Structure formats: C-alpha cells, structure tokens
Amino acid sequence: MTIKMRESLVLNKLRAGENVCSFKVNLADARVVEIAAQAGFDCLWLDQEHIGQDWSILASQIWAAKSQNKDTLVRVPRGSYSDYVKPLELDASGIMVPHIMSLEDAKKVIEMTRFHPIGKRAIDGGNADGGYAAGNFKDYLRDANQKRFVIFQIEDPEPLEDLEAIAQLDGFDMLFFGPGDFSQAIGVPGDMDHPKIKEARQKVVEVARKYGKFAGTTGPLTKVAEYQKMGYQFMSIGADVLTLTQYCSDLVTGFQEGPEVNDIDKGYYDTKK
C-alpha cells in the first residue's frame, strides 16, 4: 500500500489563476469547520496565534475540512520549529506565519518549514501528512514542498523595506497583507482606509505578483471586487464569531421589536413548509 499526499485545493486554484475564498474559524467545535466547508468556502482559516486551541481540537477541525474536500490554513504562533510543522503534520494544507519582520526572519521560517533542498525541516513522516508512513519517503519530501503552502503575513511597516528581497526567496507561496495590526503599528488603529494602509496594501500585491508569489488579504465582502482587481487572489471574507454575534443580536432586536418586524428566520422556515 502506497499513500500519496492529497492535493491542495487552494494551491491548485491559485496556480490555475482562480480566486480563493477563506473563512476564519475561532470556535473550537469541528462542526463549525464542517458547516463552513459544506457551504462552499475553499479554505478554513484556523488560528493558534490568538486562540488557545489544543492539538486534538486542531486535528478534529482539519479532519472536518478534509471530509468536505476543503483546505485548512493554520496561523501559527511565533515559536519553535515544532509550532510551525505540527499543523502540517496533522495534514493542514498550509500555514501562515504572522509578523514576518525582515529578510532574515523570512529565511529562518523557510529553513524550518521546507524540506531539502529548500530548507532543513525536521523529518518524521509517520503522521497524517505522510500517510502514517504508508507513502514513499522521497515522494513525501517532494510533495510536502510542492503541495503544501507557506504564507508570510505582512502586518508591520518594518518588512516593507525588505519586501522585494523576501518575495524573491524560494520556499514560500504567498504574501498576506494584514491591515488590522498594520493600522495599529502606524498609529491609526482601525482606520483601514488610511493612505499609508492603502499604499502598503498596493505594495504587497505588486511585489508578490512581480516575483511570482500569490497575494492574500482580509476584508469585508464589499471590498472583494476592488482587491481582486488589484491582484489579490486569496481573500478571507468572514468569521464564525462575527456571524454568530450578528445573528444573535438580530434575533434579540427582532424579538424586542415584535414578531411583525422579525423576518430573520423567514427564509429558512419558508423552505420547510
């Protein structure tokens, strides 16, 4: 029996010139991932930088996405090489490393996350990404470099000086512009339309495309067309906590205002008649 590494939906679509939509999952229940994947999102963004998910929860969420033939992206904490490679060994389709600060920082991440001849990633092969040792060893090393993606998150002004040099490195796939932390870093928290943020957003996508890398970012649905026109192929456009918070708030408001104005559930229940 020989197991081959599964394909990445995200990479296949991006390499074909198509756009990718992602949904951020903060909640621990794997059913949230399954529901979002079932709805049609290409990628489910799981988070370990800001959320205290343990490894068993992360594993169950990755399984849930795989059950729907969708990809998972795990934003890792800035830590040891184990923090970077464990999500990949659980068979996440890719990782995103936050706050890449310089050319040297980027080089170190590549060294830790890619196998020879690109980097010096620690080898196991007995986990989900390697088919639990049921795959060909050399194929596993090659496929891990080619079928799994590494994203560098640009969310500070410091790396902009090195951005062209970073983009020319082998071993990563995407520059991802993070406007939230960038706004804080330049002293305008939450002002997503500040001229410096617009300038940085434009620079990230231009540099990425210039050197054959993909560009990703986050934003509301109303900005998708604008950002795609700029060249962003990967868009994160929602989150479970935002959706649930808004839905609950709407229900309470509708209840307080009276049933005659509350049609939040009308579409769902009409289909059940």
C-alpha atoms as a PDB file:
ATOM      1  CA  MET A   1       0.000   0.000   0.000  1.00  0.00           C
ATOM      2  CA  THR A   2       1.342   3.406  -1.011  1.00  0.00           C
ATOM      3  CA  ILE A   3      -0.424   6.572   0.098  1.00  0.00           C
ATOM      4  CA  LYS A   4       0.112   9.785  -1.844  1.00  0.00           C
ATOM      5  CA  MET A   5      -0.204  13.229  -0.296  1.00  0.00           C
ATOM      6  CA  ARG A   6      -3.593  14.753  -1.083  1.00  0.00           C
ATOM      7  CA  GLU A   7      -3.756  17.754  -3.369  1.00  0.00           C
ATOM      8  CA  SER A   8      -4.282  21.280  -2.054  1.00  0.00           C
ATOM      9  CA  LEU A   9      -7.460  22.854  -3.408  1.00  0.00           C
ATOM     10  CA  VAL A  10      -6.081  26.311  -2.642  1.00  0.00           C
ATOM     11  CA  LEU A  11      -2.809  25.810  -4.485  1.00  0.00           C
ATOM     12  CA  ASN A  12      -4.494  24.170  -7.463  1.00  0.00           C
ATOM     13  CA  LYS A  13      -6.947  27.048  -7.823  1.00  0.00           C
ATOM     14  CA  LEU A  14      -4.333  29.752  -7.349  1.00  0.00           C
ATOM     15  CA  ARG A  15      -1.948  28.129  -9.827  1.00  0.00           C
ATOM     16  CA  ALA A  16      -4.795  27.968 -12.337  1.00  0.00           C
ATOM     17  CA  GLY A  17      -5.318  31.723 -11.947  1.00  0.00           C
ATOM     18  CA  GLU A  18      -8.544  31.378  -9.980  1.00  0.00           C
ATOM     19  CA  ASN A  19      -9.663  33.202  -6.848  1.00  0.00           C
ATOM     20  CA  VAL A  20      -9.935  31.565  -3.425  1.00  0.00           C
ATOM     21  CA  CYS A  21     -12.322  32.413  -0.585  1.00  0.00           C
ATOM     22  CA  SER A  22     -11.474  31.642   3.037  1.00  0.00           C
ATOM     23  CA  PHE A  23     -13.449  31.728   6.284  1.00  0.00           C
ATOM     24  CA  LYS A  24     -11.870  32.256   9.696  1.00  0.00           C
ATOM     25  CA  VAL A  25     -12.829  29.845  12.481  1.00  0.00           C
ATOM     26  CA  ASN A  26     -12.338  30.954  16.091  1.00  0.00           C
ATOM     27  CA  LEU A  27     -14.628  28.451  17.797  1.00  0.00           C
ATOM     28  CA  ALA A  28     -13.325  25.043  18.852  1.00  0.00           C
ATOM     29  CA  ASP A  29     -16.147  22.827  17.581  1.00  0.00           C
ATOM     30  CA  ALA A  30     -15.178  20.946  14.409  1.00  0.00           C
ATOM     31  CA  ARG A  31     -18.782  21.190  13.244  1.00  0.00           C
ATOM     32  CA  VAL A  32     -18.228  24.903  12.593  1.00  0.00           C
ATOM     33  CA  VAL A  33     -15.479  23.959  10.154  1.00  0.00           C
ATOM     34  CA  GLU A  34     -17.678  21.311   8.539  1.00  0.00           C
ATOM     35  CA  ILE A  35     -20.591  23.734   8.116  1.00  0.00           C
ATOM     36  CA  ALA A  36     -18.409  26.416   6.523  1.00  0.00           C
ATOM     37  CA  ALA A  37     -16.704  23.874   4.271  1.00  0.00           C
ATOM     38  CA  GLN A  38     -20.071  22.422   3.317  1.00  0.00           C
ATOM     39  CA  ALA A  39     -21.255  25.928   2.404  1.00  0.00           C
ATOM     40  CA  GLY A  40     -18.520  26.121  -0.205  1.00  0.00           C
ATOM     41  CA  PHE A  41     -15.551  28.005   1.223  1.00  0.00           C
ATOM     42  CA  ASP A  42     -12.309  26.790  -0.351  1.00  0.00           C
ATOM     43  CA  CYS A  43     -10.276  27.228   2.809  1.00  0.00           C
ATOM     44  CA  LEU A  44     -10.898  27.301   6.543  1.00  0.00           C
ATOM     45  CA  TRP A  45      -8.520  29.541   8.478  1.00  0.00           C
ATOM     46  CA  LEU A  46      -7.731  28.058  11.901  1.00  0.00           C
ATOM     47  CA  ASP A  47      -5.778  30.083  14.428  1.00  0.00           C
ATOM     48  CA  GLN A  48      -3.178  29.326  17.050  1.00  0.00           C
ATOM     49  CA  GLU A  49      -1.707  32.807  17.310  1.00  0.00           C
ATOM     50  CA  HIS A  50      -4.638  34.320  19.210  1.00  0.00           C
ATOM     51  CA  ILE A  51      -6.715  31.267  20.143  1.00  0.00           C
ATOM     52  CA  GLY A  52      -5.800  28.567  22.633  1.00  0.00           C
ATOM     53  CA  GLN A  53      -6.847  25.525  20.617  1.00  0.00           C
ATOM     54  CA  ASP A  54      -5.073  22.366  21.720  1.00  0.00           C
ATOM     55  CA  TRP A  55      -3.674  19.912  19.187  1.00  0.00           C
ATOM     56  CA  SER A  56      -6.566  17.447  19.427  1.00  0.00           C
ATOM     57  CA  ILE A  57      -9.046  20.207  18.595  1.00  0.00           C
ATOM     58  CA  LEU A  58      -6.916  21.315  15.678  1.00  0.00           C
ATOM     59  CA  ALA A  59      -6.730  17.742  14.406  1.00  0.00           C
ATOM     60  CA  SER A  60     -10.530  17.356  14.528  1.00  0.00           C
ATOM     61  CA  GLN A  61     -11.021  20.627  12.650  1.00  0.00           C
ATOM     62  CA  ILE A  62      -8.592  19.555   9.932  1.00  0.00           C
ATOM     63  CA  TRP A  63     -10.450  16.231   9.611  1.00  0.00           C
ATOM     64  CA  ALA A  64     -13.759  18.102   9.305  1.00  0.00           C
ATOM     65  CA  ALA A  65     -12.439  20.187   6.412  1.00  0.00           C
ATOM     66  CA  LYS A  66     -10.962  17.123   4.711  1.00  0.00           C
ATOM     67  CA  SER A  67     -14.340  15.383   4.941  1.00  0.00           C
ATOM     68  CA  GLN A  68     -15.649  18.081   2.575  1.00  0.00           C
ATOM     69  CA  ASN A  69     -12.506  18.108   0.382  1.00  0.00           C
ATOM     70  CA  LYS A  70     -11.554  21.575   1.561  1.00  0.00           C
ATOM     71  CA  ASP A  71      -8.252  23.027   2.731  1.00  0.00           C
ATOM     72  CA  THR A  72      -7.225  24.288   6.129  1.00  0.00           C
ATOM     73  CA  LEU A  73      -4.821  27.127   6.797  1.00  0.00           C
ATOM     74  CA  VAL A  74      -3.361  27.338  10.307  1.00  0.00           C
ATOM     75  CA  ARG A  75      -1.941  30.638  11.515  1.00  0.00           C
ATOM     76  CA  VAL A  76       0.828  29.526  13.813  1.00  0.00           C
ATOM     77  CA  PRO A  77       2.235  31.262  16.887  1.00  0.00           C
ATOM     78  CA  ARG A  78       5.720  32.697  16.621  1.00  0.00           C
ATOM     79  CA  GLY A  79       7.616  29.963  18.399  1.00  0.00           C
ATOM     80  CA  SER A  80       9.839  26.973  17.804  1.00  0.00           C
ATOM     81  CA  TYR A  81      10.031  24.937  14.610  1.00  0.00           C
ATOM     82  CA  SER A  82       7.621  22.432  16.203  1.00  0.00           C
ATOM     83  CA  ASP A  83       4.920  25.104  16.368  1.00  0.00           C
ATOM     84  CA  TYR A  84       5.314  25.585  12.614  1.00  0.00           C
ATOM     85  CA  VAL A  85       5.476  21.980  11.425  1.00  0.00           C
ATOM     86  CA  LYS A  86       2.936  20.246  13.689  1.00  0.00           C
ATOM     87  CA  PRO A  87      -0.081  21.692  11.825  1.00  0.00           C
ATOM     88  CA  LEU A  88       1.433  20.454   8.569  1.00  0.00           C
ATOM     89  CA  GLU A  89       1.986  17.010  10.111  1.00  0.00           C
ATOM     90  CA  LEU A  90      -1.691  16.992  11.130  1.00  0.00           C
ATOM     91  CA  ASP A  91      -2.319  17.454   7.376  1.00  0.00           C
ATOM     92  CA  ALA A  92      -3.260  21.117   7.299  1.00  0.00           C
ATOM     93  CA  SER A  93      -2.890  22.323   3.727  1.00  0.00           C
ATOM     94  CA  GLY A  94      -0.809  25.309   4.749  1.00  0.00           C
ATOM     95  CA  ILE A  95       0.417  27.573   7.494  1.00  0.00           C
ATOM     96  CA  MET A  96       0.546  31.343   7.861  1.00  0.00           C
ATOM     97  CA  VAL A  97       3.380  32.852   9.866  1.00  0.00           C
ATOM     98  CA  PRO A  98       2.412  36.207  11.396  1.00  0.00           C
ATOM     99  CA  HIS A  99       4.573  39.295  11.722  1.00  0.00           C
ATOM    100  CA  ILE A 100       7.373  38.494   9.300  1.00  0.00           C
ATOM    101  CA  MET A 101       9.709  41.367  10.148  1.00  0.00           C
ATOM    102  CA  SER A 102      12.753  41.109   7.865  1.00  0.00           C
ATOM    103  CA  LEU A 103      14.570  39.167   5.174  1.00  0.00           C
ATOM    104  CA  GLU A 104      16.477  37.178   7.787  1.00  0.00           C
ATOM    105  CA  ASP A 105      13.252  36.352   9.603  1.00  0.00           C
ATOM    106  CA  ALA A 106      11.738  35.042   6.375  1.00  0.00           C
ATOM    107  CA  LYS A 107      14.813  32.919   5.634  1.00  0.00           C
ATOM    108  CA  LYS A 108      14.648  31.279   9.069  1.00  0.00           C
ATOM    109  CA  VAL A 109      10.977  30.370   8.621  1.00  0.00           C
ATOM    110  CA  ILE A 110      11.673  28.772   5.237  1.00  0.00           C
ATOM    111  CA  GLU A 111      14.543  26.797   6.716  1.00  0.00           C
ATOM    112  CA  MET A 112      12.241  25.412   9.432  1.00  0.00           C
ATOM    113  CA  THR A 113       9.230  24.647   7.237  1.00  0.00           C
ATOM    114  CA  ARG A 114      10.629  23.220   3.988  1.00  0.00           C
ATOM    115  CA  PHE A 115      12.492  20.002   3.360  1.00  0.00           C
ATOM    116  CA  HIS A 116      15.753  19.600   1.450  1.00  0.00           C
ATOM    117  CA  PRO A 117      16.844  21.060  -0.923  1.00  0.00           C
ATOM    118  CA  ILE A 118      14.977  24.227   0.090  1.00  0.00           C
ATOM    119  CA  GLY A 119      15.184  24.052   3.874  1.00  0.00           C
ATOM    120  CA  LYS A 120      16.025  21.871   6.841  1.00  0.00           C
ATOM    121  CA  ARG A 121      12.599  20.993   8.213  1.00  0.00           C
ATOM    122  CA  ALA A 122      12.659  18.242  10.833  1.00  0.00           C
ATOM    123  CA  ILE A 123      11.523  14.936   9.305  1.00  0.00           C
ATOM    124  CA  ASP A 124       9.047  12.438  10.715  1.00  0.00           C
ATOM    125  CA  GLY A 125       6.755  11.089   8.001  1.00  0.00           C
ATOM    126  CA  GLY A 126       4.689   8.984  10.382  1.00  0.00           C
ATOM    127  CA  ASN A 127       1.849  11.450  10.691  1.00  0.00           C
ATOM    128  CA  ALA A 128      -1.270  12.261   8.675  1.00  0.00           C
ATOM    129  CA  ASP A 129       0.548  14.291   6.022  1.00  0.00           C
ATOM    130  CA  GLY A 130       2.847  11.346   5.297  1.00  0.00           C
ATOM    131  CA  GLY A 131       0.067   8.771   5.244  1.00  0.00           C
ATOM    132  CA  TYR A 132       1.282   7.428   8.599  1.00  0.00           C
ATOM    133  CA  ALA A 133       4.459   6.109   6.960  1.00  0.00           C
ATOM    134  CA  ALA A 134       2.463   4.435   4.161  1.00  0.00           C
ATOM    135  CA  GLY A 135       3.879   6.715   1.487  1.00  0.00           C
ATOM    136  CA  ASN A 136       7.147   6.731  -0.390  1.00  0.00           C
ATOM    137  CA  PHE A 137       9.664   8.676   1.692  1.00  0.00           C
ATOM    138  CA  LYS A 138      11.223  10.694  -1.143  1.00  0.00           C
ATOM    139  CA  ASP A 139       7.805  11.432  -2.639  1.00  0.00           C
ATOM    140  CA  TYR A 140       6.686  12.681   0.770  1.00  0.00           C
ATOM    141  CA  LEU A 141       9.562  15.175   0.975  1.00  0.00           C
ATOM    142  CA  ARG A 142       8.954  16.412  -2.555  1.00  0.00           C
ATOM    143  CA  ASP A 143       5.175  16.663  -2.173  1.00  0.00           C
ATOM    144  CA  ALA A 144       5.422  18.458   1.171  1.00  0.00           C
ATOM    145  CA  ASN A 145       7.433  21.169  -0.574  1.00  0.00           C
ATOM    146  CA  GLN A 146       5.103  21.352  -3.579  1.00  0.00           C
ATOM    147  CA  LYS A 147       1.602  20.542  -2.304  1.00  0.00           C
ATOM    148  CA  ARG A 148       1.614  22.447   0.982  1.00  0.00           C
ATOM    149  CA  PHE A 149       1.728  26.228   1.194  1.00  0.00           C
ATOM    150  CA  VAL A 150       3.550  28.640   3.466  1.00  0.00           C
ATOM    151  CA  ILE A 151       2.218  32.174   3.813  1.00  0.00           C
ATOM    152  CA  PHE A 152       4.115  35.170   5.147  1.00  0.00           C
ATOM    153  CA  GLN A 153       1.884  37.699   6.884  1.00  0.00           C
ATOM    154  CA  ILE A 154       2.970  41.295   6.320  1.00  0.00           C
ATOM    155  CA  GLU A 155       1.363  43.401   9.041  1.00  0.00           C
ATOM    156  CA  ASP A 156       4.098  45.816  10.103  1.00  0.00           C
ATOM    157  CA  PRO A 157       5.930  48.622   8.310  1.00  0.00           C
ATOM    158  CA  GLU A 158       9.375  47.150   9.078  1.00  0.00           C
ATOM    159  CA  PRO A 159       9.391  44.367   6.442  1.00  0.00           C
ATOM    160  CA  LEU A 160       8.350  46.696   3.631  1.00  0.00           C
ATOM    161  CA  GLU A 161      11.966  47.747   3.178  1.00  0.00           C
ATOM    162  CA  ASP A 162      12.960  44.104   2.566  1.00  0.00           C
ATOM    163  CA  LEU A 163       9.788  43.111   0.742  1.00  0.00           C
ATOM    164  CA  GLU A 164      11.299  42.681  -2.727  1.00  0.00           C
ATOM    165  CA  ALA A 165      14.156  40.595  -1.348  1.00  0.00           C
ATOM    166  CA  ILE A 166      11.692  38.498   0.677  1.00  0.00           C
ATOM    167  CA  ALA A 167       9.474  37.912  -2.359  1.00  0.00           C
ATOM    168  CA  GLN A 168      12.413  36.544  -4.326  1.00  0.00           C
ATOM    169  CA  LEU A 169      13.025  33.737  -1.837  1.00  0.00           C
ATOM    170  CA  ASP A 170      12.150  30.162  -2.747  1.00  0.00           C
ATOM    171  CA  GLY A 171      10.158  28.174  -0.232  1.00  0.00           C
ATOM    172  CA  PHE A 172       7.023  30.199   0.400  1.00  0.00           C
ATOM    173  CA  ASP A 173       3.924  30.823  -1.666  1.00  0.00           C
ATOM    174  CA  MET A 174       2.065  33.944  -0.578  1.00  0.00           C
ATOM    175  CA  LEU A 175       2.391  37.408   0.905  1.00  0.00           C
ATOM    176  CA  PHE A 176      -0.665  38.150   3.038  1.00  0.00           C
ATOM    177  CA  PHE A 177      -1.388  41.748   3.984  1.00  0.00           C
ATOM    178  CA  GLY A 178      -2.862  42.144   7.487  1.00  0.00           C
ATOM    179  CA  PRO A 179      -4.458  45.610   7.721  1.00  0.00           C
ATOM    180  CA  GLY A 180      -5.551  45.392  11.365  1.00  0.00           C
ATOM    181  CA  ASP A 181      -2.158  45.097  13.016  1.00  0.00           C
ATOM    182  CA  PHE A 182      -0.641  47.328  10.355  1.00  0.00           C
ATOM    183  CA  SER A 183      -3.068  50.104  11.303  1.00  0.00           C
ATOM    184  CA  GLN A 184      -2.028  49.778  14.927  1.00  0.00           C
ATOM    185  CA  ALA A 185       1.662  49.666  14.047  1.00  0.00           C
ATOM    186  CA  ILE A 186       1.472  53.001  12.238  1.00  0.00           C
ATOM    187  CA  GLY A 187      -0.631  54.650  14.959  1.00  0.00           C
ATOM    188  CA  VAL A 188      -4.073  54.670  13.296  1.00  0.00           C
ATOM    189  CA  PRO A 189      -5.842  51.654  14.866  1.00  0.00           C
ATOM    190  CA  GLY A 190      -8.835  50.521  12.833  1.00  0.00           C
ATOM    191  CA  ASP A 191      -8.532  53.132  10.078  1.00  0.00           C
ATOM    192  CA  MET A 192      -8.454  50.662   7.200  1.00  0.00           C
ATOM    193  CA  ASP A 193      -8.688  53.392   4.561  1.00  0.00           C
ATOM    194  CA  HIS A 194      -5.731  55.400   5.823  1.00  0.00           C
ATOM    195  CA  PRO A 195      -3.408  56.411   2.941  1.00  0.00           C
ATOM    196  CA  LYS A 196      -0.458  54.505   4.438  1.00  0.00           C
ATOM    197  CA  ILE A 197      -2.531  51.327   4.656  1.00  0.00           C
ATOM    198  CA  LYS A 198      -3.715  51.731   1.068  1.00  0.00           C
ATOM    199  CA  GLU A 199      -0.121  52.251  -0.013  1.00  0.00           C
ATOM    200  CA  ALA A 200       1.099  49.166   1.847  1.00  0.00           C
ATOM    201  CA  ARG A 201      -1.774  47.048   0.528  1.00  0.00           C
ATOM    202  CA  GLN A 202      -0.874  48.053  -3.022  1.00  0.00           C
ATOM    203  CA  LYS A 203       2.829  47.427  -2.491  1.00  0.00           C
ATOM    204  CA  VAL A 204       2.286  43.928  -1.105  1.00  0.00           C
ATOM    205  CA  VAL A 205       0.254  42.770  -4.098  1.00  0.00           C
ATOM    206  CA  GLU A 206       2.543  44.414  -6.645  1.00  0.00           C
ATOM    207  CA  VAL A 207       5.684  42.879  -5.169  1.00  0.00           C
ATOM    208  CA  ALA A 208       4.053  39.462  -4.814  1.00  0.00           C
ATOM    209  CA  ARG A 209       2.959  39.368  -8.436  1.00  0.00           C
ATOM    210  CA  LYS A 210       6.276  40.757  -9.672  1.00  0.00           C
ATOM    211  CA  TYR A 211       8.153  37.784  -8.222  1.00  0.00           C
ATOM    212  CA  GLY A 212       5.652  35.021  -8.896  1.00  0.00           C
ATOM    213  CA  LYS A 213       4.074  34.837  -5.455  1.00  0.00           C
ATOM    214  CA  PHE A 214       0.369  34.898  -4.653  1.00  0.00           C
ATOM    215  CA  ALA A 215      -1.206  37.743  -2.690  1.00  0.00           C
ATOM    216  CA  GLY A 216      -3.807  37.422   0.047  1.00  0.00           C
ATOM    217  CA  THR A 217      -5.622  39.706   2.442  1.00  0.00           C
ATOM    218  CA  THR A 218      -8.726  40.054   4.538  1.00  0.00           C
ATOM    219  CA  GLY A 219     -11.633  42.420   4.208  1.00  0.00           C
ATOM    220  CA  PRO A 220     -15.403  42.782   4.010  1.00  0.00           C
ATOM    221  CA  LEU A 221     -17.395  41.349   1.137  1.00  0.00           C
ATOM    222  CA  THR A 222     -17.886  44.868  -0.218  1.00  0.00           C
ATOM    223  CA  LYS A 223     -14.119  45.129  -0.868  1.00  0.00           C
ATOM    224  CA  VAL A 224     -13.623  41.794  -2.619  1.00  0.00           C
ATOM    225  CA  ALA A 225     -14.023  43.069  -6.181  1.00  0.00           C
ATOM    226  CA  GLU A 226     -11.689  46.009  -5.530  1.00  0.00           C
ATOM    227  CA  TYR A 227      -8.967  43.840  -4.007  1.00  0.00           C
ATOM    228  CA  GLN A 228      -9.263  41.174  -6.683  1.00  0.00           C
ATOM    229  CA  LYS A 229      -8.861  43.865  -9.331  1.00  0.00           C
ATOM    230  CA  MET A 230      -5.638  44.870  -7.560  1.00  0.00           C
ATOM    231  CA  GLY A 231      -4.415  41.288  -7.888  1.00  0.00           C
ATOM    232  CA  TYR A 232      -5.355  39.636  -4.606  1.00  0.00           C
ATOM    233  CA  GLN A 233      -6.403  36.045  -5.366  1.00  0.00           C
ATOM    234  CA  PHE A 234      -6.826  34.831  -1.776  1.00  0.00           C
ATOM    235  CA  MET A 235      -9.490  36.591   0.283  1.00  0.00           C
ATOM    236  CA  SER A 236     -10.607  35.900   3.842  1.00  0.00           C
ATOM    237  CA  ILE A 237     -14.106  37.311   3.993  1.00  0.00           C
ATOM    238  CA  GLY A 238     -15.756  36.297   7.250  1.00  0.00           C
ATOM    239  CA  ALA A 239     -15.528  34.657  10.650  1.00  0.00           C
ATOM    240  CA  ASP A 240     -17.727  32.408  12.743  1.00  0.00           C
ATOM    241  CA  VAL A 241     -17.785  34.715  15.766  1.00  0.00           C
ATOM    242  CA  LEU A 242     -18.815  37.700  13.645  1.00  0.00           C
ATOM    243  CA  THR A 243     -21.617  35.714  12.053  1.00  0.00           C
ATOM    244  CA  LEU A 244     -22.924  34.256  15.300  1.00  0.00           C
ATOM    245  CA  THR A 245     -22.686  37.573  17.154  1.00  0.00           C
ATOM    246  CA  GLN A 246     -24.616  39.418  14.440  1.00  0.00           C
ATOM    247  CA  TYR A 247     -27.240  36.699  14.135  1.00  0.00           C
ATOM    248  CA  CYS A 248     -27.884  36.576  17.883  1.00  0.00           C
ATOM    249  CA  SER A 249     -28.028  40.346  18.073  1.00  0.00           C
ATOM    250  CA  ASP A 250     -30.533  40.476  15.212  1.00  0.00           C
ATOM    251  CA  LEU A 251     -32.722  37.857  16.881  1.00  0.00           C
ATOM    252  CA  VAL A 252     -32.811  39.720  20.180  1.00  0.00           C
ATOM    253  CA  THR A 253     -33.551  43.027  18.437  1.00  0.00           C
ATOM    254  CA  GLY A 254     -36.329  41.418  16.407  1.00  0.00           C
ATOM    255  CA  PHE A 255     -37.842  39.802  19.493  1.00  0.00           C
ATOM    256  CA  GLN A 256     -37.859  43.103  21.358  1.00  0.00           C
ATOM    257  CA  GLU A 257     -39.402  44.971  18.435  1.00  0.00           C
ATOM    258  CA  GLY A 258     -42.153  42.411  17.932  1.00  0.00           C
ATOM    259  CA  PRO A 259     -42.842  39.443  15.644  1.00  0.00           C
ATOM    260  CA  GLU A 260     -44.384  41.576  12.901  1.00  0.00           C
ATOM    261  CA  VAL A 261     -40.960  43.072  12.038  1.00  0.00           C
ATOM    262  CA  ASN A 262     -38.875  39.983  12.738  1.00  0.00           C
ATOM    263  CA  ASP A 263     -38.340  38.087   9.476  1.00  0.00           C
ATOM    264  CA  ILE A 264     -34.798  36.894  10.197  1.00  0.00           C
ATOM    265  CA  ASP A 265     -35.803  33.221  10.064  1.00  0.00           C
ATOM    266  CA  LYS A 266     -38.459  33.650   7.375  1.00  0.00           C
ATOM    267  CA  GLY A 267     -36.345  32.336   4.511  1.00  0.00           C
ATOM    268  CA  TYR A 268     -35.341  29.187   6.377  1.00  0.00           C
ATOM    269  CA  TYR A 269     -38.765  28.268   7.662  1.00  0.00           C
ATOM    270  CA  ASP A 270     -40.475  29.079   4.377  1.00  0.00           C
ATOM    271  CA  THR A 271     -38.426  26.283   2.779  1.00  0.00           C
ATOM    272  CA  LYS A 272     -39.713  23.837   5.401  1.00  0.00           C
ATOM    273  CA  LYS A 273     -43.388  24.319   4.576  1.00  0.00           C
END
